[in-house]
C-alpha atoms as a PDB file:
ATOM      1  CA  UNK A   1     105.636  83.261 108.968  1.00  0.00           C
ATOM      2  CA  UNK A   2     107.655  80.070 108.701  1.00  0.00           C
ATOM      3  CA  UNK A   3     110.904  80.437 106.752  1.00  0.00           C
ATOM      4  CA  UNK A   4     110.554  77.036 105.062  1.00  0.00           C
ATOM      5  CA  UNK A   5     107.022  77.738 103.884  1.00  0.00           C
ATOM      6  CA  UNK A   6     108.048  81.178 102.632  1.00  0.00           C
ATOM      7  CA  UNK A   7     110.883  79.571 100.679  1.00  0.00           C
ATOM      8  CA  UNK A   8     108.404  77.176  99.074  1.00  0.00           C
ATOM      9  CA  UNK A   9     106.231  80.107  98.013  1.00  0.00           C
ATOM     10  CA  UNK A  10     109.258  81.791  96.438  1.00  0.00           C
ATOM     11  CA  UNK A  11     110.005  78.640  94.426  1.00  0.00           C
ATOM     12  CA  UNK A  12     106.412  78.505  93.157  1.00  0.00           C
ATOM     13  CA  UNK A  13     106.510  82.201  92.238  1.00  0.00           C
ATOM     14  CA  UNK A  14     109.814  81.726  90.415  1.00  0.00           C
ATOM     15  CA  UNK A  15     108.429  78.795  88.414  1.00  0.00           C
ATOM     16  CA  UNK A  16     105.299  80.748  87.470  1.00  0.00           C
ATOM     17  CA  UNK A  17     107.337  83.752  86.337  1.00  0.00           C
ATOM     18  CA  UNK A  18     109.676  81.568  84.281  1.00  0.00           C
ATOM     19  CA  UNK A  19     106.661  79.863  82.697  1.00  0.00           C
ATOM     20  CA  UNK A  20     105.134  83.253  81.847  1.00  0.00           C
ATOM     21  CA  UNK A  21     108.404  84.404  80.322  1.00  0.00           C
ATOM     22  CA  UNK A  22     108.829  81.256  78.232  1.00  0.00           C
ATOM     23  CA  UNK A  23     105.209  81.307  77.049  1.00  0.00           C
ATOM     24  CA  UNK A  24     105.529  84.912  75.889  1.00  0.00           C
ATOM     25  CA  UNK A  25     108.941  84.325  74.321  1.00  0.00           C
ATOM     26  CA  UNK A  26     107.891  81.230  72.375  1.00  0.00           C
ATOM     27  CA  UNK A  27     104.702  82.962  71.229  1.00  0.00           C
ATOM     28  CA  UNK A  28     106.645  85.980  69.958  1.00  0.00           C
ATOM     29  CA  UNK A  29     109.123  83.672  68.218  1.00  0.00           C
ATOM     30  CA  UNK A  30     106.280  81.894  66.405  1.00  0.00           C
ATOM     31  CA  UNK A  31     105.457  85.144  64.627  1.00  0.00           C
ATOM     32  CA  UNK A  32     108.910  84.997  62.988  1.00  0.00           C
ATOM     33  CA  UNK A  33     109.886  88.627  63.445  1.00  0.00           C
ATOM     34  CA  UNK A  34     106.349  89.924  63.283  1.00  0.00           C
ATOM     35  CA  UNK A  35     106.303  90.943  66.934  1.00  0.00           C
ATOM     36  CA  UNK A  36     108.134  94.049  68.231  1.00  0.00           C
ATOM     37  CA  UNK A  37     111.240  93.214  70.247  1.00  0.00           C
ATOM     38  CA  UNK A  38     110.582  96.158  72.538  1.00  0.00           C
ATOM     39  CA  UNK A  39     107.326  94.598  73.702  1.00  0.00           C
ATOM     40  CA  UNK A  40     109.202  91.423  74.638  1.00  0.00           C
ATOM     41  CA  UNK A  41     111.672  93.566  76.578  1.00  0.00           C
ATOM     42  CA  UNK A  42     108.788  95.221  78.428  1.00  0.00           C
ATOM     43  CA  UNK A  43     107.359  91.804  79.317  1.00  0.00           C
ATOM     44  CA  UNK A  44     110.717  90.647  80.641  1.00  0.00           C
ATOM     45  CA  UNK A  45     111.068  93.871  82.625  1.00  0.00           C
ATOM     46  CA  UNK A  46     107.630  93.401  84.148  1.00  0.00           C
ATOM     47  CA  UNK A  47     108.418  89.851  85.212  1.00  0.00           C
ATOM     48  CA  UNK A  48     111.746  90.960  86.692  1.00  0.00           C
ATOM     49  CA  UNK A  49     109.947  93.679  88.669  1.00  0.00           C
ATOM     50  CA  UNK A  50     107.474  91.144  90.051  1.00  0.00           C
ATOM     51  CA  UNK A  51     110.328  88.760  90.862  1.00  0.00           C
ATOM     52  CA  UNK A  52     112.274  91.467  92.697  1.00  0.00           C
ATOM     53  CA  UNK A  53     109.222  92.177  94.831  1.00  0.00           C
ATOM     54  CA  UNK A  54     108.335  88.553  95.531  1.00  0.00           C
ATOM     55  CA  UNK A  55     111.659  86.715  95.731  1.00  0.00           C
ATOM     56  CA  UNK A  56     114.951  87.413  97.462  1.00  0.00           C
ATOM     57  CA  UNK A  57     116.416  89.788 100.052  1.00  0.00           C
ATOM     58  CA  UNK A  58     113.992  92.665  99.537  1.00  0.00           C
ATOM     59  CA  UNK A  59     111.070  90.412 100.473  1.00  0.00           C
ATOM     60  CA  UNK A  60     112.823  89.300 103.646  1.00  0.00           C
ATOM     61  CA  UNK A  61     113.648  92.888 104.592  1.00  0.00           C
ATOM     62  CA  UNK A  62     110.041  93.914 103.928  1.00  0.00           C
ATOM     63  CA  UNK A  63     108.803  91.643 106.720  1.00  0.00           C
ATOM     64  CA  UNK A  64     110.340  94.004 109.289  1.00  0.00           C
ATOM     65  CA  UNK A  65     110.948  97.253 107.390  1.00  0.00           C
ATOM     66  CA  UNK A  66     108.126  99.506 106.226  1.00  0.00           C
ATOM     67  CA  UNK A  67     110.328 101.286 103.681  1.00  0.00           C
ATOM     68  CA  UNK A  68     111.290  97.981 102.076  1.00  0.00           C
ATOM     69  CA  UNK A  69     107.635  96.956 102.147  1.00  0.00           C
ATOM     70  CA  UNK A  70     106.765 100.063 100.133  1.00  0.00           C
ATOM     71  CA  UNK A  71     109.438  99.261  97.567  1.00  0.00           C
ATOM     72  CA  UNK A  72     107.809  95.846  97.192  1.00  0.00           C
ATOM     73  CA  UNK A  73     104.442  97.540  96.685  1.00  0.00           C
ATOM     74  CA  UNK A  74     105.917  99.852  94.054  1.00  0.00           C
ATOM     75  CA  UNK A  75     107.521  96.960  92.156  1.00  0.00           C
ATOM     76  CA  UNK A  76     104.640  94.476  92.147  1.00  0.00           C
ATOM     77  CA  UNK A  77     101.716  96.894  92.201  1.00  0.00           C
ATOM     78  CA  UNK A  78     102.814  99.669  89.840  1.00  0.00           C
ATOM     79  CA  UNK A  79     106.052  99.205  87.879  1.00  0.00           C
ATOM     80  CA  UNK A  80     105.550  95.522  87.089  1.00  0.00           C
ATOM     81  CA  UNK A  81     101.904  95.892  85.996  1.00  0.00           C
ATOM     82  CA  UNK A  82     102.734  98.923  83.825  1.00  0.00           C
ATOM     83  CA  UNK A  83     105.426  97.015  81.927  1.00  0.00           C
ATOM     84  CA  UNK A  84     103.315  93.862  81.600  1.00  0.00           C
ATOM     85  CA  UNK A  85     100.311  95.741  80.228  1.00  0.00           C
ATOM     86  CA  UNK A  86     102.406  97.674  77.690  1.00  0.00           C
ATOM     87  CA  UNK A  87     103.772  94.331  76.442  1.00  0.00           C
ATOM     88  CA  UNK A  88     100.292  93.638  74.970  1.00  0.00           C
ATOM     89  CA  UNK A  89     100.066  89.937  75.964  1.00  0.00           C
ATOM     90  CA  UNK A  90      96.418  89.598  74.896  1.00  0.00           C
ATOM     91  CA  UNK A  91      97.197  90.809  71.389  1.00  0.00           C
ATOM     92  CA  UNK A  92     100.070  88.343  71.181  1.00  0.00           C
ATOM     93  CA  UNK A  93      97.866  85.505  72.410  1.00  0.00           C
ATOM     94  CA  UNK A  94      95.155  86.306  69.861  1.00  0.00           C
ATOM     95  CA  UNK A  95      97.730  86.184  67.072  1.00  0.00           C
ATOM     96  CA  UNK A  96      99.220  82.803  67.981  1.00  0.00           C
ATOM     97  CA  UNK A  97      96.304  80.853  69.451  1.00  0.00           C
ATOM     98  CA  UNK A  98      94.248  78.493  67.270  1.00  0.00           C
ATOM     99  CA  UNK A  99      91.078  80.092  65.931  1.00  0.00           C
ATOM    100  CA  UNK A 100      88.792  78.317  68.397  1.00  0.00           C
ATOM    101  CA  UNK A 101      90.825  79.338  71.449  1.00  0.00           C
ATOM    102  CA  UNK A 102      91.230  82.882  70.151  1.00  0.00           C
ATOM    103  CA  UNK A 103      87.463  83.200  69.794  1.00  0.00           C
ATOM    104  CA  UNK A 104      86.981  81.796  73.288  1.00  0.00           C
ATOM    105  CA  UNK A 105      89.427  84.348  74.692  1.00  0.00           C
ATOM    106  CA  UNK A 106      87.584  87.109  72.844  1.00  0.00           C
ATOM    107  CA  UNK A 107      84.257  85.983  74.322  1.00  0.00           C
ATOM    108  CA  UNK A 108      85.749  85.909  77.821  1.00  0.00           C
ATOM    109  CA  UNK A 109      87.134  89.433  77.401  1.00  0.00           C
ATOM    110  CA  UNK A 110      83.716  90.622  76.276  1.00  0.00           C
ATOM    111  CA  UNK A 111      81.797  88.862  79.055  1.00  0.00           C
ATOM    112  CA  UNK A 112      79.872  90.872  81.636  1.00  0.00           C
ATOM    113  CA  UNK A 113      82.064  89.912  84.658  1.00  0.00           C
ATOM    114  CA  UNK A 114      85.232  90.971  82.840  1.00  0.00           C
ATOM    115  CA  UNK A 115      83.506  94.121  81.595  1.00  0.00           C
ATOM    116  CA  UNK A 116      82.512  95.103  85.140  1.00  0.00           C
ATOM    117  CA  UNK A 117      85.902  94.213  86.622  1.00  0.00           C
ATOM    118  CA  UNK A 118      87.831  96.113  83.960  1.00  0.00           C
ATOM    119  CA  UNK A 119      85.729  99.280  84.148  1.00  0.00           C
ATOM    120  CA  UNK A 120      87.969 102.162  85.285  1.00  0.00           C
ATOM    121  CA  UNK A 121      85.848 102.916  88.372  1.00  0.00           C
ATOM    122  CA  UNK A 122      85.839  99.292  89.537  1.00  0.00           C
ATOM    123  CA  UNK A 123      89.538  98.890  88.798  1.00  0.00           C
ATOM    124  CA  UNK A 124      90.406 102.077  90.697  1.00  0.00           C
ATOM    125  CA  UNK A 125      88.353 101.018  93.721  1.00  0.00           C
ATOM    126  CA  UNK A 126      90.044  97.613  93.803  1.00  0.00           C
ATOM    127  CA  UNK A 127      93.462  99.225  93.535  1.00  0.00           C
ATOM    128  CA  UNK A 128      93.354 102.397  95.631  1.00  0.00           C
ATOM    129  CA  UNK A 129      90.608 101.097  97.922  1.00  0.00           C
ATOM    130  CA  UNK A 130      92.575  97.943  98.600  1.00  0.00           C
ATOM    131  CA  UNK A 131      95.594  99.999  99.655  1.00  0.00           C
ATOM    132  CA  UNK A 132      93.537 102.110 102.046  1.00  0.00           C
ATOM    133  CA  UNK A 133      92.117  98.956 103.617  1.00  0.00           C
ATOM    134  CA  UNK A 134      95.584  97.417 103.887  1.00  0.00           C
ATOM    135  CA  UNK A 135      97.233 100.353 105.642  1.00  0.00           C
ATOM    136  CA  UNK A 136      94.387 101.667 107.796  1.00  0.00           C
ATOM    137  CA  UNK A 137      93.156  98.374 109.267  1.00  0.00           C
ATOM    138  CA  UNK A 138      94.661  95.373 111.034  1.00  0.00           C
ATOM    139  CA  UNK A 139      95.227  93.688 107.662  1.00  0.00           C
ATOM    140  CA  UNK A 140      98.753  95.115 107.434  1.00  0.00           C
ATOM    141  CA  UNK A 141      99.841  93.294 110.587  1.00  0.00           C
ATOM    142  CA  UNK A 142      97.854  90.186 109.738  1.00  0.00           C
ATOM    143  CA  UNK A 143      99.695  89.796 106.435  1.00  0.00           C
ATOM    144  CA  UNK A 144     102.996  89.692 108.318  1.00  0.00           C
ATOM    145  CA  UNK A 145     101.661  87.129 110.778  1.00  0.00           C
ATOM    146  CA  UNK A 146     100.061  84.756 108.267  1.00  0.00           C
ATOM    147  CA  UNK A 147     101.765  83.440 105.137  1.00  0.00           C
ATOM    148  CA  UNK A 148      98.396  82.748 103.517  1.00  0.00           C
ATOM    149  CA  UNK A 149      97.223  86.331 104.032  1.00  0.00           C
ATOM    150  CA  UNK A 150     100.633  87.577 102.903  1.00  0.00           C
ATOM    151  CA  UNK A 151     100.347  85.700  99.602  1.00  0.00           C
ATOM    152  CA  UNK A 152      96.720  86.733  99.058  1.00  0.00           C
ATOM    153  CA  UNK A 153      97.490  90.408  99.679  1.00  0.00           C
ATOM    154  CA  UNK A 154     100.404  90.365  97.240  1.00  0.00           C
ATOM    155  CA  UNK A 155      98.292  88.527  94.685  1.00  0.00           C
ATOM    156  CA  UNK A 156      95.598  91.183  95.037  1.00  0.00           C
ATOM    157  CA  UNK A 157      98.147  93.985  94.651  1.00  0.00           C
ATOM    158  CA  UNK A 158      99.498  92.477  91.422  1.00  0.00           C
ATOM    159  CA  UNK A 159      96.097  91.723  89.888  1.00  0.00           C
ATOM    160  CA  UNK A 160      94.623  95.079  90.933  1.00  0.00           C
ATOM    161  CA  UNK A 161      97.645  96.865  89.470  1.00  0.00           C
ATOM    162  CA  UNK A 162      97.378  95.020  86.157  1.00  0.00           C
ATOM    163  CA  UNK A 163      93.598  95.476  85.876  1.00  0.00           C
ATOM    164  CA  UNK A 164      93.781  99.190  86.686  1.00  0.00           C
ATOM    165  CA  UNK A 165      96.655  99.876  84.287  1.00  0.00           C
ATOM    166  CA  UNK A 166      94.910  97.901  81.544  1.00  0.00           C
ATOM    167  CA  UNK A 167      91.685  99.827  82.125  1.00  0.00           C
ATOM    168  CA  UNK A 168      93.598 103.066  81.617  1.00  0.00           C
ATOM    169  CA  UNK A 169      96.057 102.464  78.763  1.00  0.00           C
ATOM    170  CA  UNK A 170      96.012  98.859  77.545  1.00  0.00           C
ATOM    171  CA  UNK A 171      97.165  98.485  73.921  1.00  0.00           C
ATOM    172  CA  UNK A 172      95.234  95.211  73.812  1.00  0.00           C
ATOM    173  CA  UNK A 173      91.734  95.068  72.302  1.00  0.00           C
ATOM    174  CA  UNK A 174      88.957  95.869  74.768  1.00  0.00           C
ATOM    175  CA  UNK A 175      85.419  95.338  73.413  1.00  0.00           C
ATOM    176  CA  UNK A 176      83.905  97.758  75.919  1.00  0.00           C
ATOM    177  CA  UNK A 177      86.691 100.245  76.619  1.00  0.00           C
ATOM    178  CA  UNK A 178      85.529 103.278  78.595  1.00  0.00           C
ATOM    179  CA  UNK A 179      85.735 106.670  76.926  1.00  0.00           C
ATOM    180  CA  UNK A 180      88.689 108.996  77.342  1.00  0.00           C
ATOM    181  CA  UNK A 181      86.887 111.400  79.682  1.00  0.00           C
ATOM    182  CA  UNK A 182      85.894 108.590  82.039  1.00  0.00           C
ATOM    183  CA  UNK A 183      89.404 107.169  82.121  1.00  0.00           C
ATOM    184  CA  UNK A 184      91.012 110.582  82.559  1.00  0.00           C
ATOM    185  CA  UNK A 185      88.639 111.500  85.385  1.00  0.00           C
ATOM    186  CA  UNK A 186      89.215 108.210  87.174  1.00  0.00           C
ATOM    187  CA  UNK A 187      92.974 108.550  86.717  1.00  0.00           C
ATOM    188  CA  UNK A 188      93.004 111.993  88.313  1.00  0.00           C
ATOM    189  CA  UNK A 189      90.894 110.701  91.223  1.00  0.00           C
ATOM    190  CA  UNK A 190      93.215 107.713  91.628  1.00  0.00           C
ATOM    191  CA  UNK A 191      96.298 109.936  91.744  1.00  0.00           C
ATOM    192  CA  UNK A 192      94.622 112.048  94.423  1.00  0.00           C
ATOM    193  CA  UNK A 193      93.670 108.997  96.507  1.00  0.00           C
ATOM    194  CA  UNK A 194      97.183 107.574  96.187  1.00  0.00           C
ATOM    195  CA  UNK A 195      98.821 110.865  97.150  1.00  0.00           C
ATOM    196  CA  UNK A 196      96.507 111.418 100.124  1.00  0.00           C
ATOM    197  CA  UNK A 197      97.290 107.912 101.391  1.00  0.00           C
ATOM    198  CA  UNK A 198     101.013 108.647 101.167  1.00  0.00           C
ATOM    199  CA  UNK A 199     100.548 111.833 103.209  1.00  0.00           C
ATOM    200  CA  UNK A 200      98.312 109.999 105.689  1.00  0.00           C
ATOM    201  CA  UNK A 201     100.950 107.332 106.303  1.00  0.00           C
ATOM    202  CA  UNK A 202     103.592 110.039 106.718  1.00  0.00           C
ATOM    203  CA  UNK A 203     101.534 111.719 109.435  1.00  0.00           C
ATOM    204  CA  UNK A 204      99.919 108.625 110.967  1.00  0.00           C
ATOM    205  CA  UNK A 205     102.206 105.576 110.768  1.00  0.00           C
ATOM    206  CA  UNK A 206     100.616 102.116 111.109  1.00  0.00           C
ATOM    207  CA  UNK A 207     100.760 100.752 114.658  1.00  0.00           C
ATOM    208  CA  UNK A 208     104.119  99.191 115.398  1.00  0.00           C
ATOM    209  CA  UNK A 209     105.972 101.037 112.622  1.00  0.00           C
ATOM    210  CA  UNK A 210     108.658 103.524 113.640  1.00  0.00           C
ATOM    211  CA  UNK A 211     108.105 107.159 112.736  1.00  0.00           C
ATOM    212  CA  UNK A 212     111.221 107.531 110.573  1.00  0.00           C
ATOM    213  CA  UNK A 213     110.670 104.198 108.841  1.00  0.00           C
ATOM    214  CA  UNK A 214     107.043 105.127 108.162  1.00  0.00           C
ATOM    215  CA  UNK A 215     108.027 108.504 106.744  1.00  0.00           C
ATOM    216  CA  UNK A 216     110.625 106.985 104.425  1.00  0.00           C
ATOM    217  CA  UNK A 217     108.095 104.394 103.283  1.00  0.00           C
ATOM    218  CA  UNK A 218     105.422 107.044 102.749  1.00  0.00           C
ATOM    219  CA  UNK A 219     107.860 109.040 100.616  1.00  0.00           C
ATOM    220  CA  UNK A 220     108.534 105.968  98.474  1.00  0.00           C
ATOM    221  CA  UNK A 221     104.788 105.584  97.944  1.00  0.00           C
ATOM    222  CA  UNK A 222     104.218 109.291  97.318  1.00  0.00           C
ATOM    223  CA  UNK A 223     107.098 110.105  94.979  1.00  0.00           C
ATOM    224  CA  UNK A 224     107.613 106.682  93.402  1.00  0.00           C
ATOM    225  CA  UNK A 225     103.889 106.266  92.861  1.00  0.00           C
ATOM    226  CA  UNK A 226     103.646 109.734  91.339  1.00  0.00           C
ATOM    227  CA  UNK A 227     106.289 108.860  88.742  1.00  0.00           C
ATOM    228  CA  UNK A 228     104.346 105.796  87.581  1.00  0.00           C
ATOM    229  CA  UNK A 229     101.029 107.651  87.734  1.00  0.00           C
ATOM    230  CA  UNK A 230     102.382 110.479  85.575  1.00  0.00           C
ATOM    231  CA  UNK A 231     103.682 107.964  83.021  1.00  0.00           C
ATOM    232  CA  UNK A 232     100.227 106.380  82.811  1.00  0.00           C
ATOM    233  CA  UNK A 233      98.595 109.806  82.522  1.00  0.00           C
ATOM    234  CA  UNK A 234     100.965 110.856  79.725  1.00  0.00           C
ATOM    235  CA  UNK A 235     100.338 107.613  77.832  1.00  0.00           C
ATOM    236  CA  UNK A 236      96.592 108.054  78.321  1.00  0.00           C
ATOM    237  CA  UNK A 237      96.644 111.540  76.788  1.00  0.00           C
ATOM    238  CA  UNK A 238      99.044 110.427  74.048  1.00  0.00           C
ATOM    239  CA  UNK A 239      96.640 107.644  73.106  1.00  0.00           C
ATOM    240  CA  UNK A 240      93.754 110.109  73.029  1.00  0.00           C
ATOM    241  CA  UNK A 241      95.701 112.548  70.864  1.00  0.00           C
ATOM    242  CA  UNK A 242      96.676 109.944  68.257  1.00  0.00           C
ATOM    243  CA  UNK A 243      93.116 108.599  67.967  1.00  0.00           C
ATOM    244  CA  UNK A 244      91.136 111.743  68.771  1.00  0.00           C
ATOM    245  CA  UNK A 245      89.182 114.101  66.510  1.00  0.00           C
ATOM    246  CA  UNK A 246      92.132 116.160  65.236  1.00  0.00           C
ATOM    247  CA  UNK A 247      94.233 113.247  63.855  1.00  0.00           C
ATOM    248  CA  UNK A 248      91.106 111.750  62.295  1.00  0.00           C
ATOM    249  CA  UNK A 249      90.287 115.110  60.675  1.00  0.00           C
ATOM    250  CA  UNK A 250      93.825 115.468  59.347  1.00  0.00           C
ATOM    251  CA  UNK A 251      93.730 111.982  57.838  1.00  0.00           C
ATOM    252  CA  UNK A 252      90.357 112.726  56.259  1.00  0.00           C
ATOM    253  CA  UNK A 253      91.697 115.978  54.777  1.00  0.00           C
ATOM    254  CA  UNK A 254      94.763 114.220  53.381  1.00  0.00           C
ATOM    255  CA  UNK A 255      92.505 111.592  51.816  1.00  0.00           C
ATOM    256  CA  UNK A 256      90.569 114.416  50.110  1.00  0.00           C
ATOM    257  CA  UNK A 257      93.780 116.058  48.932  1.00  0.00           C
ATOM    258  CA  UNK A 258      93.651 118.928  51.432  1.00  0.00           C
ATOM    259  CA  UNK A 259      97.073 119.681  52.910  1.00  0.00           C
ATOM    260  CA  UNK A 260      97.339 120.999  56.472  1.00  0.00           C
ATOM    261  CA  UNK A 261      98.189 124.679  56.726  1.00  0.00           C
ATOM    262  CA  UNK A 262     101.860 125.487  57.446  1.00  0.00           C
ATOM    263  CA  UNK A 263     102.590 126.249  61.062  1.00  0.00           C
ATOM    264  CA  UNK A 264      99.509 124.435  62.329  1.00  0.00           C
END
């Protein structure tokens, strides 16, 4: 990959991230204190994670080091998407957009293509399946030989990470959100696929990658990925608990004047 062209890509990425940060910040400011500061912090953290994985020394090191490459994957494919999704950008957009644009956005979110793409099974296949294709085919070496492929792969990793995380735990409105059991089942399957891939790379490094470098990189994927996966799983179950049958029953009992029994 040409250094000059790679530098140009970094400039474009930086401009896009700054634009995303400003758009979110100005939108939150328009609500005049009606938007949680912690969500803005999450958005900023997500953009910083993407920036760290797309711009600067880590990106350069990742062109020759498999361990550094895995840190990039963790930042742009898991940590960044998790923070961005929890920042609830769709909810913010719906609150600040003019009525006509807000309705258009709602129709797009409820459209069949978006519904299919955001289904947990589809999202998991795009995410975990994409990683298996990347590391078990010639695509891994092709992305280091071609800047275009490099950019497309990273773009896929980011989008797949965001779509999958949103399908699991998005706080934003989803007209056709899958049920808890479907999401929980897919999440468990995704964790298994991710863990197996980490073990596979530890035992069978990609061609041209040193054994020790491959093992360190596989450990980053395995342990770092597990941390993010567990966070998503905990948030998924927490969301189910707060909206599940028991909380609804308790609220109904309180409304009828029935107090919950002590110790329960």
